[in-house]
């Protein structure tokens, strides 16, 4: 059973409220996605722990409803003041 990209995004944002999420359907089948998750709360958190946080937000759907998720995590770029 496939998941909608909007459902994946909603689950991640529910679990990581400061996250900005971009979802790409890699195969057009609603079953293989890439997600880029950017969150200030990731600052100082290891990549492994970031991945765990995202997977935890999906509530055990990985490997079931969601077959494959290529995941990239990042912290927001610092803002630079102009002038």
PDB file of N, CA and C in Angstrom:
ATOM      1  N   UNK A   1       0.843  -1.181   0.000  1.00  0.00           N
ATOM      2  CA  UNK A   1       0.000   0.000   0.000  1.00  0.00           C
ATOM      3  C   UNK A   1       0.886   1.242   0.000  1.00  0.00           C
ATOM      4  N   UNK A   2       0.678   2.118  -0.935  1.00  0.00           N
ATOM      5  CA  UNK A   2       1.500   3.322  -1.080  1.00  0.00           C
ATOM      6  C   UNK A   2       1.020   4.422  -0.138  1.00  0.00           C
ATOM      7  N   UNK A   3       1.925   5.363   0.114  1.00  0.00           N
ATOM      8  CA  UNK A   3       1.592   6.548   0.925  1.00  0.00           C
ATOM      9  C   UNK A   3       1.671   7.777   0.032  1.00  0.00           C
ATOM     10  N   UNK A   4       0.839   8.751   0.298  1.00  0.00           N
ATOM     11  CA  UNK A   4       0.897  10.021  -0.415  1.00  0.00           C
ATOM     12  C   UNK A   4       2.034  10.863   0.155  1.00  0.00           C
ATOM     13  N   UNK A   5       2.676  11.617  -0.711  1.00  0.00           N
ATOM     14  CA  UNK A   5       3.771  12.490  -0.283  1.00  0.00           C
ATOM     15  C   UNK A   5       3.305  13.464   0.795  1.00  0.00           C
ATOM     16  N   UNK A   6       2.090  13.952   0.678  1.00  0.00           N
ATOM     17  CA  UNK A   6       1.569  14.895   1.669  1.00  0.00           C
ATOM     18  C   UNK A   6       1.417  14.245   3.042  1.00  0.00           C
ATOM     19  N   UNK A   7       1.092  12.959   3.060  1.00  0.00           N
ATOM     20  CA  UNK A   7       0.984  12.237   4.334  1.00  0.00           C
ATOM     21  C   UNK A   7       2.360  12.075   4.982  1.00  0.00           C
ATOM     22  N   UNK A   8       3.365  11.784   4.168  1.00  0.00           N
ATOM     23  CA  UNK A   8       4.729  11.646   4.688  1.00  0.00           C
ATOM     24  C   UNK A   8       5.181  12.979   5.276  1.00  0.00           C
ATOM     25  N   UNK A   9       4.973  14.046   4.532  1.00  0.00           N
ATOM     26  CA  UNK A   9       5.369  15.379   5.006  1.00  0.00           C
ATOM     27  C   UNK A   9       4.648  15.716   6.307  1.00  0.00           C
ATOM     28  N   UNK A  10       3.362  15.449   6.372  1.00  0.00           N
ATOM     29  CA  UNK A  10       2.586  15.769   7.577  1.00  0.00           C
ATOM     30  C   UNK A  10       3.090  14.989   8.791  1.00  0.00           C
ATOM     31  N   UNK A  11       3.433  13.729   8.604  1.00  0.00           N
ATOM     32  CA  UNK A  11       3.946  12.921   9.717  1.00  0.00           C
ATOM     33  C   UNK A  11       5.280  13.469  10.213  1.00  0.00           C
ATOM     34  N   UNK A  12       6.160  13.828   9.276  1.00  0.00           N
ATOM     35  CA  UNK A  12       7.475  14.350   9.673  1.00  0.00           C
ATOM     36  C   UNK A  12       7.315  15.669  10.416  1.00  0.00           C
ATOM     37  N   UNK A  13       6.477  16.558   9.912  1.00  0.00           N
ATOM     38  CA  UNK A  13       6.282  17.861  10.568  1.00  0.00           C
ATOM     39  C   UNK A  13       5.601  17.684  11.932  1.00  0.00           C
ATOM     40  N   UNK A  14       4.726  16.714  12.044  1.00  0.00           N
ATOM     41  CA  UNK A  14       4.096  16.446  13.344  1.00  0.00           C
ATOM     42  C   UNK A  14       5.131  15.983  14.364  1.00  0.00           C
ATOM     43  N   UNK A  15       6.103  15.204  13.899  1.00  0.00           N
ATOM     44  CA  UNK A  15       7.136  14.690  14.787  1.00  0.00           C
ATOM     45  C   UNK A  15       8.276  15.665  15.030  1.00  0.00           C
ATOM     46  N   UNK A  16       8.531  16.527  14.032  1.00  0.00           N
ATOM     47  CA  UNK A  16       9.611  17.520  14.116  1.00  0.00           C
ATOM     48  C   UNK A  16       8.995  18.856  13.702  1.00  0.00           C
ATOM     49  N   UNK A  17       8.352  19.552  14.647  1.00  0.00           N
ATOM     50  CA  UNK A  17       7.550  20.727  14.300  1.00  0.00           C
ATOM     51  C   UNK A  17       8.288  21.860  13.587  1.00  0.00           C
ATOM     52  N   UNK A  18       9.599  21.992  13.784  1.00  0.00           N
ATOM     53  CA  UNK A  18      10.316  23.076  13.101  1.00  0.00           C
ATOM     54  C   UNK A  18      10.880  22.644  11.747  1.00  0.00           C
ATOM     55  N   UNK A  19      10.493  21.482  11.273  1.00  0.00           N
ATOM     56  CA  UNK A  19      11.055  20.955  10.025  1.00  0.00           C
ATOM     57  C   UNK A  19      10.412  21.575   8.789  1.00  0.00           C
ATOM     58  N   UNK A  20      11.269  21.787   7.805  1.00  0.00           N
ATOM     59  CA  UNK A  20      10.826  22.082   6.454  1.00  0.00           C
ATOM     60  C   UNK A  20      11.112  20.825   5.644  1.00  0.00           C
ATOM     61  N   UNK A  21      10.097  20.321   4.950  1.00  0.00           N
ATOM     62  CA  UNK A  21      10.216  19.015   4.302  1.00  0.00           C
ATOM     63  C   UNK A  21       9.945  19.154   2.803  1.00  0.00           C
ATOM     64  N   UNK A  22      10.832  18.590   2.002  1.00  0.00           N
ATOM     65  CA  UNK A  22      10.627  18.508   0.558  1.00  0.00           C
ATOM     66  C   UNK A  22      10.586  17.026   0.199  1.00  0.00           C
ATOM     67  N   UNK A  23       9.506  16.625  -0.429  1.00  0.00           N
ATOM     68  CA  UNK A  23       9.335  15.220  -0.802  1.00  0.00           C
ATOM     69  C   UNK A  23       9.380  15.102  -2.323  1.00  0.00           C
ATOM     70  N   UNK A  24      10.135  14.134  -2.810  1.00  0.00           N
ATOM     71  CA  UNK A  24      10.199  13.836  -4.235  1.00  0.00           C
ATOM     72  C   UNK A  24       9.789  12.375  -4.441  1.00  0.00           C
ATOM     73  N   UNK A  25       8.851  12.145  -5.345  1.00  0.00           N
ATOM     74  CA  UNK A  25       8.447  10.780  -5.692  1.00  0.00           C
ATOM     75  C   UNK A  25       9.436  10.287  -6.744  1.00  0.00           C
ATOM     76  N   UNK A  26      10.330   9.396  -6.369  1.00  0.00           N
ATOM     77  CA  UNK A  26      11.447   9.001  -7.231  1.00  0.00           C
ATOM     78  C   UNK A  26      11.031   8.149  -8.422  1.00  0.00           C
ATOM     79  N   UNK A  27      10.016   7.336  -8.261  1.00  0.00           N
ATOM     80  CA  UNK A  27       9.646   6.417  -9.330  1.00  0.00           C
ATOM     81  C   UNK A  27       8.256   6.685  -9.898  1.00  0.00           C
ATOM     82  N   UNK A  28       7.555   7.652  -9.323  1.00  0.00           N
ATOM     83  CA  UNK A  28       6.206   7.952  -9.801  1.00  0.00           C
ATOM     84  C   UNK A  28       5.187   6.894  -9.403  1.00  0.00           C
ATOM     85  N   UNK A  29       5.569   6.043  -8.458  1.00  0.00           N
ATOM     86  CA  UNK A  29       4.674   4.967  -8.051  1.00  0.00           C
ATOM     87  C   UNK A  29       4.074   5.149  -6.659  1.00  0.00           C
ATOM     88  N   UNK A  30       4.408   6.290  -6.020  1.00  0.00           N
ATOM     89  CA  UNK A  30       3.895   6.531  -4.682  1.00  0.00           C
ATOM     90  C   UNK A  30       4.470   5.580  -3.649  1.00  0.00           C
ATOM     91  N   UNK A  31       5.579   4.977  -3.970  1.00  0.00           N
ATOM     92  CA  UNK A  31       6.150   3.973  -3.082  1.00  0.00           C
ATOM     93  C   UNK A  31       7.645   4.182  -2.821  1.00  0.00           C
ATOM     94  N   UNK A  32       8.294   5.003  -3.649  1.00  0.00           N
ATOM     95  CA  UNK A  32       9.731   5.254  -3.518  1.00  0.00           C
ATOM     96  C   UNK A  32       9.941   6.761  -3.499  1.00  0.00           C
ATOM     97  N   UNK A  33      10.309   7.281  -2.344  1.00  0.00           N
ATOM     98  CA  UNK A  33      10.417   8.726  -2.172  1.00  0.00           C
ATOM     99  C   UNK A  33      11.816   9.134  -1.722  1.00  0.00           C
ATOM    100  N   UNK A  34      12.115  10.406  -1.937  1.00  0.00           N
ATOM    101  CA  UNK A  34      13.256  11.060  -1.307  1.00  0.00           C
ATOM    102  C   UNK A  34      12.688  12.187  -0.467  1.00  0.00           C
ATOM    103  N   UNK A  35      13.277  12.401   0.691  1.00  0.00           N
ATOM    104  CA  UNK A  35      12.849  13.497   1.555  1.00  0.00           C
ATOM    105  C   UNK A  35      14.074  14.291   1.984  1.00  0.00           C
ATOM    106  N   UNK A  36      13.972  15.611   1.889  1.00  0.00           N
ATOM    107  CA  UNK A  36      14.994  16.506   2.446  1.00  0.00           C
ATOM    108  C   UNK A  36      14.325  17.202   3.618  1.00  0.00           C
ATOM    109  N   UNK A  37      14.880  17.000   4.799  1.00  0.00           N
ATOM    110  CA  UNK A  37      14.301  17.537   6.020  1.00  0.00           C
ATOM    111  C   UNK A  37      15.305  18.508   6.635  1.00  0.00           C
ATOM    112  N   UNK A  38      14.901  19.764   6.753  1.00  0.00           N
ATOM    113  CA  UNK A  38      15.754  20.805   7.324  1.00  0.00           C
ATOM    114  C   UNK A  38      15.087  21.296   8.597  1.00  0.00           C
ATOM    115  N   UNK A  39      15.857  21.291   9.698  1.00  0.00           N
ATOM    116  CA  UNK A  39      15.279  21.714  10.976  1.00  0.00           C
ATOM    117  C   UNK A  39      16.356  22.315  11.866  1.00  0.00           C
ATOM    118  N   UNK A  40      16.020  23.409  12.508  1.00  0.00           N
ATOM    119  CA  UNK A  40      16.935  24.027  13.478  1.00  0.00           C
ATOM    120  C   UNK A  40      17.195  23.062  14.631  1.00  0.00           C
ATOM    121  N   UNK A  41      16.205  22.268  14.977  1.00  0.00           N
ATOM    122  CA  UNK A  41      16.373  21.328  16.093  1.00  0.00           C
ATOM    123  C   UNK A  41      17.396  20.242  15.789  1.00  0.00           C
ATOM    124  N   UNK A  42      17.845  20.132  14.542  1.00  0.00           N
ATOM    125  CA  UNK A  42      18.901  19.177  14.183  1.00  0.00           C
ATOM    126  C   UNK A  42      20.289  19.703  14.534  1.00  0.00           C
ATOM    127  N   UNK A  43      20.377  21.004  14.837  1.00  0.00           N
ATOM    128  CA  UNK A  43      21.697  21.589  15.115  1.00  0.00           C
ATOM    129  C   UNK A  43      22.342  20.891  16.316  1.00  0.00           C
ATOM    130  N   UNK A  44      23.566  20.403  16.123  1.00  0.00           N
ATOM    131  CA  UNK A  44      24.289  19.699  17.176  1.00  0.00           C
ATOM    132  C   UNK A  44      23.903  18.230  17.320  1.00  0.00           C
ATOM    133  N   UNK A  45      23.002  17.761  16.446  1.00  0.00           N
ATOM    134  CA  UNK A  45      22.529  16.375  16.494  1.00  0.00           C
ATOM    135  C   UNK A  45      23.236  15.597  15.378  1.00  0.00           C
ATOM    136  N   UNK A  46      23.719  14.411  15.688  1.00  0.00           N
ATOM    137  CA  UNK A  46      24.426  13.617  14.678  1.00  0.00           C
ATOM    138  C   UNK A  46      23.481  13.208  13.538  1.00  0.00           C
ATOM    139  N   UNK A  47      24.073  12.895  12.392  1.00  0.00           N
ATOM    140  CA  UNK A  47      23.260  12.462  11.242  1.00  0.00           C
ATOM    141  C   UNK A  47      22.471  11.198  11.561  1.00  0.00           C
ATOM    142  N   UNK A  48      23.094  10.304  12.309  1.00  0.00           N
ATOM    143  CA  UNK A  48      22.396   9.064  12.685  1.00  0.00           C
ATOM    144  C   UNK A  48      21.173   9.387  13.534  1.00  0.00           C
ATOM    145  N   UNK A  49      21.335  10.283  14.492  1.00  0.00           N
ATOM    146  CA  UNK A  49      20.206  10.631  15.357  1.00  0.00           C
ATOM    147  C   UNK A  49      19.126  11.398  14.577  1.00  0.00           C
ATOM    148  N   UNK A  50      19.536  12.225  13.635  1.00  0.00           N
ATOM    149  CA  UNK A  50      18.549  12.922  12.788  1.00  0.00           C
ATOM    150  C   UNK A  50      17.701  11.910  12.033  1.00  0.00           C
ATOM    151  N   UNK A  51      18.387  10.909  11.477  1.00  0.00           N
ATOM    152  CA  UNK A  51      17.671   9.867  10.738  1.00  0.00           C
ATOM    153  C   UNK A  51      16.700   9.147  11.668  1.00  0.00           C
ATOM    154  N   UNK A  52      17.152   8.845  12.872  1.00  0.00           N
ATOM    155  CA  UNK A  52      16.269   8.178  13.841  1.00  0.00           C
ATOM    156  C   UNK A  52      15.048   9.041  14.152  1.00  0.00           C
ATOM    157  N   UNK A  53      15.263  10.342  14.294  1.00  0.00           N
ATOM    158  CA  UNK A  53      14.139  11.240  14.599  1.00  0.00           C
ATOM    159  C   UNK A  53      13.116  11.241  13.460  1.00  0.00           C
ATOM    160  N   UNK A  54      13.607  11.279  12.223  1.00  0.00           N
ATOM    161  CA  UNK A  54      12.681  11.284  11.076  1.00  0.00           C
ATOM    162  C   UNK A  54      11.931   9.957  11.005  1.00  0.00           C
ATOM    163  N   UNK A  55      12.655   8.860  11.135  1.00  0.00           N
ATOM    164  CA  UNK A  55      11.992   7.551  11.079  1.00  0.00           C
ATOM    165  C   UNK A  55      10.988   7.408  12.224  1.00  0.00           C
ATOM    166  N   UNK A  56      11.333   7.917  13.403  1.00  0.00           N
ATOM    167  CA  UNK A  56      10.400   7.841  14.539  1.00  0.00           C
ATOM    168  C   UNK A  56       9.124   8.620  14.232  1.00  0.00           C
ATOM    169  N   UNK A  57       9.278   9.743  13.529  1.00  0.00           N
ATOM    170  CA  UNK A  57       8.091  10.543  13.198  1.00  0.00           C
ATOM    171  C   UNK A  57       7.159   9.799  12.236  1.00  0.00           C
ATOM    172  N   UNK A  58       7.705   8.837  11.509  1.00  0.00           N
ATOM    173  CA  UNK A  58       6.886   8.078  10.568  1.00  0.00           C
ATOM    174  C   UNK A  58       6.121   6.953  11.255  1.00  0.00           C
ATOM    175  N   UNK A  59       6.356   6.789  12.538  1.00  0.00           N
ATOM    176  CA  UNK A  59       5.547   5.870  13.330  1.00  0.00           C
ATOM    177  C   UNK A  59       5.551   4.423  12.855  1.00  0.00           C
ATOM    178  N   UNK A  60       6.695   3.923  12.436  1.00  0.00           N
ATOM    179  CA  UNK A  60       6.779   2.510  12.057  1.00  0.00           C
ATOM    180  C   UNK A  60       6.267   2.186  10.671  1.00  0.00           C
ATOM    181  N   UNK A  61       6.020   3.191   9.860  1.00  0.00           N
ATOM    182  CA  UNK A  61       5.498   2.933   8.501  1.00  0.00           C
ATOM    183  C   UNK A  61       6.581   2.512   7.512  1.00  0.00           C
ATOM    184  N   UNK A  62       7.864   2.773   7.869  1.00  0.00           N
ATOM    185  CA  UNK A  62       8.953   2.373   6.974  1.00  0.00           C
ATOM    186  C   UNK A  62       8.954   0.853   6.825  1.00  0.00           C
ATOM    187  N   UNK A  63       9.050   0.417   5.567  1.00  0.00           N
ATOM    188  CA  UNK A  63       9.060  -1.016   5.311  1.00  0.00           C
ATOM    189  C   UNK A  63       7.671  -1.612   5.191  1.00  0.00           C
ATOM    190  N   UNK A  64       6.660  -0.842   5.543  1.00  0.00           N
ATOM    191  CA  UNK A  64       5.286  -1.291   5.409  1.00  0.00           C
ATOM    192  C   UNK A  64       4.571  -0.427   4.383  1.00  0.00           C
ATOM    193  N   UNK A  65       3.825   0.550   4.891  1.00  0.00           N
ATOM    194  CA  UNK A  65       3.128   1.478   3.992  1.00  0.00           C
ATOM    195  C   UNK A  65       4.098   2.243   3.113  1.00  0.00           C
ATOM    196  N   UNK A  66       5.261   2.552   3.666  1.00  0.00           N
ATOM    197  CA  UNK A  66       6.282   3.304   2.939  1.00  0.00           C
ATOM    198  C   UNK A  66       7.436   2.362   2.631  1.00  0.00           C
ATOM    199  N   UNK A  67       7.582   2.034   1.354  1.00  0.00           N
ATOM    200  CA  UNK A  67       8.569   1.035   0.958  1.00  0.00           C
ATOM    201  C   UNK A  67       9.994   1.561   1.038  1.00  0.00           C
ATOM    202  N   UNK A  68      10.236   2.765   0.483  1.00  0.00           N
ATOM    203  CA  UNK A  68      11.604   3.279   0.428  1.00  0.00           C
ATOM    204  C   UNK A  68      11.602   4.790   0.591  1.00  0.00           C
ATOM    205  N   UNK A  69      12.537   5.282   1.410  1.00  0.00           N
ATOM    206  CA  UNK A  69      12.673   6.718   1.623  1.00  0.00           C
ATOM    207  C   UNK A  69      14.157   7.066   1.642  1.00  0.00           C
ATOM    208  N   UNK A  70      14.596   7.760   0.596  1.00  0.00           N
ATOM    209  CA  UNK A  70      15.968   8.277   0.552  1.00  0.00           C
ATOM    210  C   UNK A  70      15.960   9.561   1.357  1.00  0.00           C
ATOM    211  N   UNK A  71      16.756   9.624   2.396  1.00  0.00           N
ATOM    212  CA  UNK A  71      16.643  10.723   3.352  1.00  0.00           C
ATOM    213  C   UNK A  71      17.893  11.594   3.382  1.00  0.00           C
ATOM    214  N   UNK A  72      17.670  12.897   3.341  1.00  0.00           N
ATOM    215  CA  UNK A  72      18.727  13.881   3.543  1.00  0.00           C
ATOM    216  C   UNK A  72      18.254  14.811   4.647  1.00  0.00           C
ATOM    217  N   UNK A  73      19.136  15.057   5.620  1.00  0.00           N
ATOM    218  CA  UNK A  73      18.784  15.989   6.689  1.00  0.00           C
ATOM    219  C   UNK A  73      19.812  17.114   6.727  1.00  0.00           C
ATOM    220  N   UNK A  74      19.383  18.264   7.218  1.00  0.00           N
ATOM    221  CA  UNK A  74      20.281  19.420   7.309  1.00  0.00           C
ATOM    222  C   UNK A  74      19.750  20.394   8.337  1.00  0.00           C
ATOM    223  N   UNK A  75      20.626  21.311   8.736  1.00  0.00           N
ATOM    224  CA  UNK A  75      20.199  22.440   9.564  1.00  0.00           C
ATOM    225  C   UNK A  75      20.107  23.651   8.643  1.00  0.00           C
ATOM    226  N   UNK A  76      19.273  24.614   8.983  1.00  0.00           N
ATOM    227  CA  UNK A  76      19.139  25.805   8.134  1.00  0.00           C
ATOM    228  C   UNK A  76      20.462  26.561   8.041  1.00  0.00           C
ATOM    229  N   UNK A  77      20.698  27.151   6.898  1.00  0.00           N
ATOM    230  CA  UNK A  77      21.874  27.997   6.716  1.00  0.00           C
ATOM    231  C   UNK A  77      21.708  29.241   7.583  1.00  0.00           C
ATOM    232  N   UNK A  78      22.805  29.701   8.190  1.00  0.00           N
ATOM    233  CA  UNK A  78      22.691  30.934   8.974  1.00  0.00           C
ATOM    234  C   UNK A  78      22.335  32.117   8.083  1.00  0.00           C
ATOM    235  N   UNK A  79      21.513  32.996   8.604  1.00  0.00           N
ATOM    236  CA  UNK A  79      21.108  34.180   7.838  1.00  0.00           C
ATOM    237  C   UNK A  79      22.187  35.233   7.956  1.00  0.00           C
ATOM    238  N   UNK A  80      22.436  35.900   6.873  1.00  0.00           N
ATOM    239  CA  UNK A  80      23.409  36.995   6.904  1.00  0.00           C
ATOM    240  C   UNK A  80      22.652  38.302   6.780  1.00  0.00           C
ATOM    241  N   UNK A  81      23.054  39.250   7.571  1.00  0.00           N
ATOM    242  CA  UNK A  81      22.412  40.563   7.545  1.00  0.00           C
ATOM    243  C   UNK A  81      22.972  41.381   6.376  1.00  0.00           C
ATOM    244  N   UNK A  82      22.115  42.073   5.695  1.00  0.00           N
ATOM    245  CA  UNK A  82      22.535  42.926   4.592  1.00  0.00           C
ATOM    246  C   UNK A  82      22.682  44.364   5.082  1.00  0.00           C
ATOM    247  N   UNK A  83      23.686  45.007   4.573  1.00  0.00           N
ATOM    248  CA  UNK A  83      23.908  46.396   4.712  1.00  0.00           C
ATOM    249  C   UNK A  83      23.963  46.998   6.007  1.00  0.00           C
TER     250      UNK A  83
END
